[in-house]
Amino acid sequence: MSKNRRKRRDSKSGRAPLRRLANKMKQQGGFSNMTALYEPIGEVKMSEVIEILIQPYMAGLDTLNAYRNLVGVAVLAWNATLLPPNAQEEADTALGNLSLTPEGKENVRAFMRELMARKMVLFPDLNRFIVGYEVTEVRDGWHLSIASTLASE
């Protein structure tokens, strides 16, 4: 298939951002031998899942950077729920490295715990790790692309 034809098809289906994310991840290393799957049959779209997770916190977000930050914390919280309890504590401790005031750090920790609890209520059996994400600005708002592992049997 010609490159131009693929580009048109990708832009119509919304796959162009996913291809960009896959290429970016391959360039960063660690994924060079893997094949990217786009919307595999029988799998939920993780971008939609994360959007559901963060939906109550979207009110008042007015910048791309604010949305990016919200998605970033949600991804950290999501992946932390998939770790054993001792590793979850380490992830919580790692938040201490943020350059925030002590009160700011505690607010981020509390928010992350809230998102973790929300994930466990809404998606208790969805155990796909998020390995990358990209937030871009589009004509009518923002677009979220997520790369994740496939569900384990």
N, C-alpha and C. Protein backbone atom coordinates (compact mmCIF):
# COMPACT_ATOMS: atom_id res chain seq x y z
N MET A 1 0.85 -1.17 0.00
CA MET A 1 0.00 0.00 0.00
C MET A 1 0.89 1.23 0.00
N SER A 2 0.54 2.20 -0.79
CA SER A 2 1.38 3.39 -0.88
C SER A 2 1.32 4.18 0.42
N LYS A 3 2.38 4.94 0.64
CA LYS A 3 2.49 5.72 1.87
C LYS A 3 1.36 6.76 1.96
N ASN A 4 1.06 7.43 0.83
CA ASN A 4 0.00 8.44 0.83
C ASN A 4 -1.35 7.82 1.13
N ARG A 5 -1.61 6.64 0.55
CA ARG A 5 -2.88 5.98 0.80
C ARG A 5 -3.01 5.58 2.27
N ARG A 6 -1.90 5.05 2.85
CA ARG A 6 -1.91 4.69 4.27
C ARG A 6 -2.14 5.93 5.13
N LYS A 7 -1.50 7.04 4.75
CA LYS A 7 -1.65 8.28 5.52
C LYS A 7 -3.10 8.72 5.53
N ARG A 8 -3.77 8.67 4.36
CA ARG A 8 -5.19 9.04 4.31
C ARG A 8 -6.03 8.12 5.17
N ARG A 9 -5.80 6.80 5.05
CA ARG A 9 -6.57 5.84 5.83
C ARG A 9 -6.33 6.04 7.32
N ASP A 10 -5.06 6.25 7.70
CA ASP A 10 -4.73 6.45 9.11
C ASP A 10 -5.41 7.70 9.66
N SER A 11 -5.40 8.78 8.89
CA SER A 11 -6.00 10.00 9.41
C SER A 11 -7.50 9.87 9.55
N LYS A 12 -8.13 9.09 8.68
CA LYS A 12 -9.58 8.88 8.78
C LYS A 12 -9.92 8.00 9.97
N SER A 13 -9.10 7.02 10.25
CA SER A 13 -9.41 6.08 11.33
C SER A 13 -8.89 6.56 12.68
N GLY A 14 -8.09 7.59 12.71
CA GLY A 14 -7.51 8.05 13.97
C GLY A 14 -6.26 7.29 14.36
N ARG A 15 -5.70 6.52 13.44
CA ARG A 15 -4.52 5.71 13.75
C ARG A 15 -3.22 6.50 13.61
N ALA A 16 -3.23 7.63 12.95
CA ALA A 16 -2.00 8.39 12.75
C ALA A 16 -1.31 8.70 14.08
N PRO A 17 -2.03 9.17 15.11
CA PRO A 17 -1.36 9.42 16.40
C PRO A 17 -0.80 8.13 17.01
N LEU A 18 -1.50 7.02 16.81
CA LEU A 18 -1.02 5.74 17.34
C LEU A 18 0.26 5.31 16.64
N ARG A 19 0.32 5.51 15.33
CA ARG A 19 1.55 5.18 14.59
C ARG A 19 2.71 6.06 15.06
N ARG A 20 2.44 7.35 15.26
CA ARG A 20 3.49 8.26 15.76
C ARG A 20 4.00 7.79 17.12
N LEU A 21 3.07 7.41 18.00
CA LEU A 21 3.46 6.95 19.33
C LEU A 21 4.28 5.67 19.24
N ALA A 22 3.86 4.74 18.40
CA ALA A 22 4.61 3.48 18.24
C ALA A 22 6.02 3.76 17.71
N ASN A 23 6.12 4.64 16.73
CA ASN A 23 7.45 4.98 16.18
C ASN A 23 8.32 5.66 17.22
N LYS A 24 7.73 6.54 18.00
CA LYS A 24 8.47 7.24 19.05
C LYS A 24 9.00 6.25 20.09
N MET A 25 8.17 5.28 20.46
CA MET A 25 8.58 4.29 21.46
C MET A 25 9.69 3.40 20.91
N LYS A 26 9.61 3.05 19.63
CA LYS A 26 10.66 2.23 19.02
C LYS A 26 11.98 3.00 18.98
N GLN A 27 11.92 4.28 18.68
CA GLN A 27 13.13 5.10 18.62
C GLN A 27 13.78 5.24 19.99
N GLN A 28 12.97 5.24 21.04
CA GLN A 28 13.50 5.38 22.39
C GLN A 28 14.11 4.08 22.89
N GLY A 29 13.92 3.01 22.16
CA GLY A 29 14.53 1.73 22.51
C GLY A 29 13.63 0.85 23.33
N GLY A 30 14.01 -0.43 23.37
CA GLY A 30 13.26 -1.37 24.18
C GLY A 30 12.08 -2.01 23.48
N PHE A 31 11.60 -1.40 22.40
CA PHE A 31 10.44 -1.94 21.70
C PHE A 31 10.74 -2.17 20.22
N SER A 32 12.00 -2.16 19.85
CA SER A 32 12.36 -2.25 18.44
C SER A 32 11.98 -3.59 17.81
N ASN A 33 11.91 -4.66 18.57
CA ASN A 33 11.59 -5.97 18.02
C ASN A 33 10.11 -6.32 18.15
N MET A 34 9.30 -5.38 18.60
CA MET A 34 7.89 -5.67 18.82
C MET A 34 7.04 -5.12 17.68
N THR A 35 5.93 -5.79 17.44
CA THR A 35 4.97 -5.34 16.45
C THR A 35 3.87 -4.58 17.16
N ALA A 36 3.57 -3.41 16.66
CA ALA A 36 2.49 -2.62 17.25
C ALA A 36 1.16 -3.09 16.68
N LEU A 37 0.18 -3.27 17.55
CA LEU A 37 -1.17 -3.61 17.14
C LEU A 37 -2.05 -2.39 17.40
N TYR A 38 -2.89 -2.07 16.44
CA TYR A 38 -3.77 -0.92 16.57
C TYR A 38 -5.19 -1.41 16.75
N GLU A 39 -5.77 -1.12 17.89
CA GLU A 39 -7.13 -1.52 18.20
C GLU A 39 -7.36 -3.01 17.97
N PRO A 40 -6.63 -3.87 18.70
CA PRO A 40 -6.80 -5.31 18.52
C PRO A 40 -8.23 -5.74 18.83
N ILE A 41 -8.71 -6.68 18.05
CA ILE A 41 -10.07 -7.18 18.21
C ILE A 41 -10.24 -7.78 19.60
N GLY A 42 -11.32 -7.42 20.27
CA GLY A 42 -11.62 -7.96 21.58
C GLY A 42 -10.98 -7.19 22.73
N GLU A 43 -10.20 -6.18 22.44
CA GLU A 43 -9.55 -5.39 23.49
C GLU A 43 -10.18 -4.01 23.57
N VAL A 44 -10.31 -3.49 24.78
CA VAL A 44 -10.82 -2.13 24.95
C VAL A 44 -9.72 -1.14 24.60
N LYS A 45 -10.12 0.05 24.20
CA LYS A 45 -9.14 1.10 23.92
C LYS A 45 -8.73 1.72 25.25
N MET A 46 -7.45 1.63 25.57
CA MET A 46 -6.99 2.17 26.84
C MET A 46 -7.14 3.68 26.92
N SER A 47 -7.12 4.37 25.80
CA SER A 47 -7.34 5.82 25.84
C SER A 47 -8.75 6.11 26.36
N GLU A 48 -9.73 5.31 25.93
CA GLU A 48 -11.10 5.50 26.42
C GLU A 48 -11.20 5.16 27.90
N VAL A 49 -10.49 4.14 28.33
CA VAL A 49 -10.49 3.74 29.74
C VAL A 49 -9.93 4.86 30.61
N ILE A 50 -8.79 5.41 30.21
CA ILE A 50 -8.18 6.50 31.00
C ILE A 50 -9.08 7.73 30.98
N GLU A 51 -9.72 8.00 29.86
CA GLU A 51 -10.64 9.15 29.81
C GLU A 51 -11.81 8.96 30.78
N ILE A 52 -12.29 7.74 30.92
CA ILE A 52 -13.35 7.47 31.91
C ILE A 52 -12.80 7.67 33.32
N LEU A 53 -11.59 7.19 33.55
CA LEU A 53 -10.96 7.30 34.87
C LEU A 53 -10.82 8.77 35.30
N ILE A 54 -10.43 9.64 34.37
CA ILE A 54 -10.16 11.04 34.74
C ILE A 54 -11.35 11.97 34.51
N GLN A 55 -12.44 11.45 33.99
CA GLN A 55 -13.59 12.28 33.64
C GLN A 55 -14.04 13.23 34.75
N PRO A 56 -14.14 12.79 36.02
CA PRO A 56 -14.59 13.72 37.06
C PRO A 56 -13.64 14.89 37.32
N TYR A 57 -12.42 14.79 36.84
CA TYR A 57 -11.41 15.82 37.11
C TYR A 57 -11.19 16.74 35.92
N MET A 58 -11.97 16.56 34.88
CA MET A 58 -11.79 17.34 33.65
C MET A 58 -12.36 18.75 33.75
N ALA A 59 -13.32 18.96 34.62
CA ALA A 59 -13.93 20.28 34.75
C ALA A 59 -12.86 21.30 35.12
N GLY A 60 -12.83 22.37 34.40
CA GLY A 60 -11.88 23.43 34.72
C GLY A 60 -10.54 23.29 34.03
N LEU A 61 -10.28 22.17 33.37
CA LEU A 61 -9.02 22.04 32.63
C LEU A 61 -9.12 22.89 31.37
N ASP A 62 -8.21 23.84 31.24
CA ASP A 62 -8.32 24.72 30.09
C ASP A 62 -7.05 24.79 29.25
N THR A 63 -6.03 24.00 29.61
CA THR A 63 -4.82 24.01 28.80
C THR A 63 -4.37 22.59 28.48
N LEU A 64 -3.66 22.48 27.39
CA LEU A 64 -3.10 21.20 26.99
C LEU A 64 -2.17 20.66 28.06
N ASN A 65 -1.37 21.53 28.64
CA ASN A 65 -0.42 21.11 29.68
C ASN A 65 -1.15 20.56 30.92
N ALA A 66 -2.24 21.19 31.30
CA ALA A 66 -3.01 20.70 32.46
C ALA A 66 -3.57 19.31 32.17
N TYR A 67 -4.08 19.13 30.95
CA TYR A 67 -4.61 17.81 30.56
C TYR A 67 -3.49 16.78 30.53
N ARG A 68 -2.34 17.15 29.98
CA ARG A 68 -1.18 16.25 29.94
C ARG A 68 -0.78 15.82 31.35
N ASN A 69 -0.75 16.76 32.28
CA ASN A 69 -0.38 16.45 33.66
C ASN A 69 -1.39 15.49 34.30
N LEU A 70 -2.67 15.74 34.06
CA LEU A 70 -3.71 14.87 34.60
C LEU A 70 -3.56 13.45 34.05
N VAL A 71 -3.35 13.33 32.76
CA VAL A 71 -3.17 12.01 32.14
C VAL A 71 -1.92 11.34 32.72
N GLY A 72 -0.84 12.10 32.90
CA GLY A 72 0.39 11.53 33.44
C GLY A 72 0.21 10.94 34.82
N VAL A 73 -0.48 11.64 35.69
CA VAL A 73 -0.73 11.11 37.04
C VAL A 73 -1.66 9.91 36.95
N ALA A 74 -2.65 9.95 36.06
CA ALA A 74 -3.57 8.83 35.91
C ALA A 74 -2.83 7.58 35.42
N VAL A 75 -1.90 7.74 34.50
CA VAL A 75 -1.12 6.61 34.00
C VAL A 75 -0.26 6.02 35.12
N LEU A 76 0.39 6.90 35.91
CA LEU A 76 1.18 6.42 37.05
C LEU A 76 0.31 5.64 38.03
N ALA A 77 -0.85 6.19 38.32
CA ALA A 77 -1.77 5.54 39.26
C ALA A 77 -2.24 4.20 38.70
N TRP A 78 -2.60 4.18 37.43
CA TRP A 78 -3.07 2.95 36.80
C TRP A 78 -2.02 1.85 36.93
N ASN A 79 -0.81 2.16 36.49
CA ASN A 79 0.26 1.15 36.52
C ASN A 79 0.61 0.74 37.94
N ALA A 80 0.52 1.66 38.88
CA ALA A 80 0.84 1.33 40.28
C ALA A 80 -0.14 0.29 40.83
N THR A 81 -1.40 0.33 40.39
CA THR A 81 -2.36 -0.65 40.89
C THR A 81 -2.04 -2.07 40.43
N LEU A 82 -1.22 -2.19 39.40
CA LEU A 82 -0.88 -3.50 38.85
C LEU A 82 0.38 -4.08 39.50
N LEU A 83 1.00 -3.31 40.37
CA LEU A 83 2.22 -3.75 41.04
C LEU A 83 1.88 -4.43 42.37
N PRO A 84 2.81 -5.27 42.87
CA PRO A 84 2.61 -5.82 44.21
C PRO A 84 2.62 -4.70 45.24
N PRO A 85 2.01 -4.90 46.41
CA PRO A 85 1.90 -3.84 47.41
C PRO A 85 3.22 -3.15 47.77
N ASN A 86 4.31 -3.90 47.92
CA ASN A 86 5.58 -3.25 48.29
C ASN A 86 6.06 -2.33 47.16
N ALA A 87 5.84 -2.71 45.90
CA ALA A 87 6.24 -1.86 44.78
C ALA A 87 5.32 -0.63 44.68
N GLN A 88 4.07 -0.78 45.10
CA GLN A 88 3.17 0.37 45.13
C GLN A 88 3.68 1.40 46.12
N GLU A 89 4.18 0.93 47.25
CA GLU A 89 4.74 1.84 48.25
C GLU A 89 5.97 2.56 47.70
N GLU A 90 6.80 1.85 46.92
CA GLU A 90 7.97 2.47 46.31
C GLU A 90 7.55 3.55 45.32
N ALA A 91 6.49 3.29 44.55
CA ALA A 91 5.99 4.28 43.60
C ALA A 91 5.50 5.51 44.35
N ASP A 92 4.84 5.30 45.49
CA ASP A 92 4.37 6.40 46.31
C ASP A 92 5.55 7.21 46.85
N THR A 93 6.60 6.51 47.27
CA THR A 93 7.79 7.18 47.78
C THR A 93 8.48 7.98 46.68
N ALA A 94 8.47 7.47 45.45
CA ALA A 94 9.11 8.16 44.33
C ALA A 94 8.48 9.52 44.08
N LEU A 95 7.21 9.68 44.45
CA LEU A 95 6.57 11.00 44.30
C LEU A 95 7.26 12.05 45.16
N GLY A 96 7.98 11.60 46.18
CA GLY A 96 8.71 12.53 47.03
C GLY A 96 9.83 13.25 46.30
N ASN A 97 10.20 12.75 45.13
CA ASN A 97 11.26 13.38 44.34
C ASN A 97 10.76 14.57 43.53
N LEU A 98 9.46 14.79 43.51
CA LEU A 98 8.92 15.93 42.77
C LEU A 98 9.36 17.23 43.44
N SER A 99 9.60 18.24 42.64
CA SER A 99 10.01 19.52 43.21
C SER A 99 8.77 20.34 43.56
N LEU A 100 8.12 19.91 44.64
CA LEU A 100 6.92 20.56 45.15
C LEU A 100 7.11 20.84 46.64
N THR A 101 6.24 21.65 47.17
CA THR A 101 6.24 21.87 48.61
C THR A 101 5.78 20.57 49.28
N PRO A 102 6.06 20.38 50.56
CA PRO A 102 5.56 19.18 51.24
C PRO A 102 4.05 19.03 51.10
N GLU A 103 3.32 20.14 51.18
CA GLU A 103 1.86 20.08 51.02
C GLU A 103 1.50 19.66 49.59
N GLY A 104 2.22 20.17 48.62
CA GLY A 104 1.98 19.81 47.22
C GLY A 104 2.23 18.34 46.98
N LYS A 105 3.31 17.81 47.56
CA LYS A 105 3.62 16.39 47.42
C LYS A 105 2.52 15.52 48.02
N GLU A 106 2.04 15.93 49.17
CA GLU A 106 0.97 15.15 49.82
C GLU A 106 -0.32 15.22 49.01
N ASN A 107 -0.60 16.37 48.40
CA ASN A 107 -1.78 16.49 47.54
C ASN A 107 -1.69 15.55 46.34
N VAL A 108 -0.49 15.47 45.73
CA VAL A 108 -0.30 14.58 44.58
C VAL A 108 -0.44 13.13 45.03
N ARG A 109 0.14 12.79 46.18
CA ARG A 109 0.01 11.41 46.70
C ARG A 109 -1.46 11.06 46.94
N ALA A 110 -2.19 11.97 47.56
CA ALA A 110 -3.60 11.72 47.86
C ALA A 110 -4.40 11.57 46.56
N PHE A 111 -4.10 12.41 45.60
CA PHE A 111 -4.80 12.34 44.31
C PHE A 111 -4.49 11.02 43.60
N MET A 112 -3.23 10.61 43.65
CA MET A 112 -2.85 9.35 43.03
C MET A 112 -3.56 8.18 43.70
N ARG A 113 -3.62 8.19 45.03
CA ARG A 113 -4.35 7.13 45.75
C ARG A 113 -5.83 7.12 45.37
N GLU A 114 -6.40 8.30 45.19
CA GLU A 114 -7.80 8.41 44.78
C GLU A 114 -8.00 7.80 43.39
N LEU A 115 -7.09 8.09 42.47
CA LEU A 115 -7.19 7.51 41.14
C LEU A 115 -6.99 5.99 41.17
N MET A 116 -6.10 5.52 42.02
CA MET A 116 -5.87 4.08 42.16
C MET A 116 -7.14 3.39 42.66
N ALA A 117 -7.78 3.98 43.64
CA ALA A 117 -9.02 3.41 44.18
C ALA A 117 -10.12 3.44 43.11
N ARG A 118 -10.18 4.51 42.37
CA ARG A 118 -11.18 4.63 41.29
C ARG A 118 -10.95 3.56 40.23
N LYS A 119 -9.68 3.32 39.87
CA LYS A 119 -9.36 2.27 38.89
C LYS A 119 -9.85 0.92 39.39
N MET A 120 -9.61 0.62 40.66
CA MET A 120 -9.99 -0.68 41.21
C MET A 120 -11.50 -0.86 41.26
N VAL A 121 -12.25 0.22 41.40
CA VAL A 121 -13.71 0.14 41.41
C VAL A 121 -14.24 -0.01 39.98
N LEU A 122 -13.74 0.83 39.08
CA LEU A 122 -14.26 0.85 37.71
C LEU A 122 -13.74 -0.28 36.82
N PHE A 123 -12.47 -0.64 37.01
CA PHE A 123 -11.83 -1.60 36.12
C PHE A 123 -11.02 -2.63 36.91
N PRO A 124 -11.64 -3.35 37.82
CA PRO A 124 -10.87 -4.25 38.70
C PRO A 124 -10.17 -5.39 37.96
N ASP A 125 -10.70 -5.80 36.83
CA ASP A 125 -10.14 -6.95 36.12
C ASP A 125 -9.33 -6.57 34.88
N LEU A 126 -9.14 -5.29 34.65
CA LEU A 126 -8.38 -4.83 33.49
C LEU A 126 -6.94 -4.60 33.94
N ASN A 127 -6.05 -5.49 33.54
CA ASN A 127 -4.68 -5.48 34.05
C ASN A 127 -3.64 -5.27 32.96
N ARG A 128 -3.88 -4.32 32.10
CA ARG A 128 -2.94 -3.99 31.03
C ARG A 128 -2.05 -2.84 31.47
N PHE A 129 -0.74 -3.04 31.39
CA PHE A 129 0.20 -1.96 31.71
C PHE A 129 0.21 -0.94 30.59
N ILE A 130 0.25 0.31 30.95
CA ILE A 130 0.40 1.39 29.97
C ILE A 130 1.90 1.63 29.82
N VAL A 131 2.39 1.45 28.59
CA VAL A 131 3.83 1.58 28.35
C VAL A 131 4.20 2.89 27.69
N GLY A 132 3.21 3.64 27.25
CA GLY A 132 3.48 4.94 26.65
C GLY A 132 2.18 5.65 26.35
N TYR A 133 2.26 6.97 26.28
CA TYR A 133 1.08 7.76 25.92
C TYR A 133 1.52 9.05 25.28
N GLU A 134 0.61 9.65 24.54
CA GLU A 134 0.88 10.93 23.89
C GLU A 134 -0.39 11.75 23.89
N VAL A 135 -0.28 13.00 24.25
CA VAL A 135 -1.41 13.92 24.22
C VAL A 135 -1.10 14.98 23.17
N THR A 136 -2.02 15.15 22.25
CA THR A 136 -1.84 16.16 21.21
C THR A 136 -3.07 17.06 21.15
N GLU A 137 -2.85 18.23 20.60
CA GLU A 137 -3.95 19.17 20.43
C GLU A 137 -4.55 18.94 19.04
N VAL A 138 -5.86 18.86 18.99
CA VAL A 138 -6.58 18.71 17.73
C VAL A 138 -7.57 19.85 17.60
N ARG A 139 -8.18 19.93 16.45
CA ARG A 139 -9.06 21.06 16.15
C ARG A 139 -10.09 21.31 17.23
N ASP A 140 -10.71 20.25 17.75
CA ASP A 140 -11.80 20.43 18.71
C ASP A 140 -11.42 20.05 20.14
N GLY A 141 -10.15 20.07 20.48
CA GLY A 141 -9.74 19.75 21.85
C GLY A 141 -8.41 19.04 21.90
N TRP A 142 -8.38 17.92 22.62
CA TRP A 142 -7.15 17.16 22.80
C TRP A 142 -7.39 15.71 22.41
N HIS A 143 -6.31 15.08 21.99
CA HIS A 143 -6.39 13.66 21.60
C HIS A 143 -5.40 12.87 22.44
N LEU A 144 -5.85 11.76 22.98
CA LEU A 144 -5.02 10.89 23.81
C LEU A 144 -4.77 9.58 23.07
N SER A 145 -3.50 9.22 22.91
CA SER A 145 -3.10 7.94 22.35
C SER A 145 -2.36 7.18 23.42
N ILE A 146 -2.67 5.90 23.57
CA ILE A 146 -2.03 5.09 24.61
C ILE A 146 -1.55 3.79 24.01
N ALA A 147 -0.32 3.42 24.39
CA ALA A 147 0.23 2.11 24.04
C ALA A 147 0.23 1.30 25.33
N SER A 148 -0.28 0.07 25.24
CA SER A 148 -0.35 -0.78 26.43
C SER A 148 -0.07 -2.22 26.05
N THR A 149 0.14 -3.01 27.09
CA THR A 149 0.28 -4.44 26.88
C THR A 149 -1.09 -5.02 26.57
N LEU A 150 -1.10 -6.20 26.00
CA LEU A 150 -2.37 -6.89 25.79
C LEU A 150 -2.78 -7.56 27.09
N ALA A 151 -4.05 -7.82 27.22
CA ALA A 151 -4.56 -8.48 28.42
C ALA A 151 -3.94 -9.88 28.53
N SER A 152 -3.55 -10.25 29.73
CA SER A 152 -3.01 -11.59 29.93
C SER A 152 -4.16 -12.56 30.17
N GLU A 153 -3.94 -13.78 29.78
CA GLU A 153 -4.98 -14.81 29.95
C GLU A 153 -5.10 -15.19 31.41
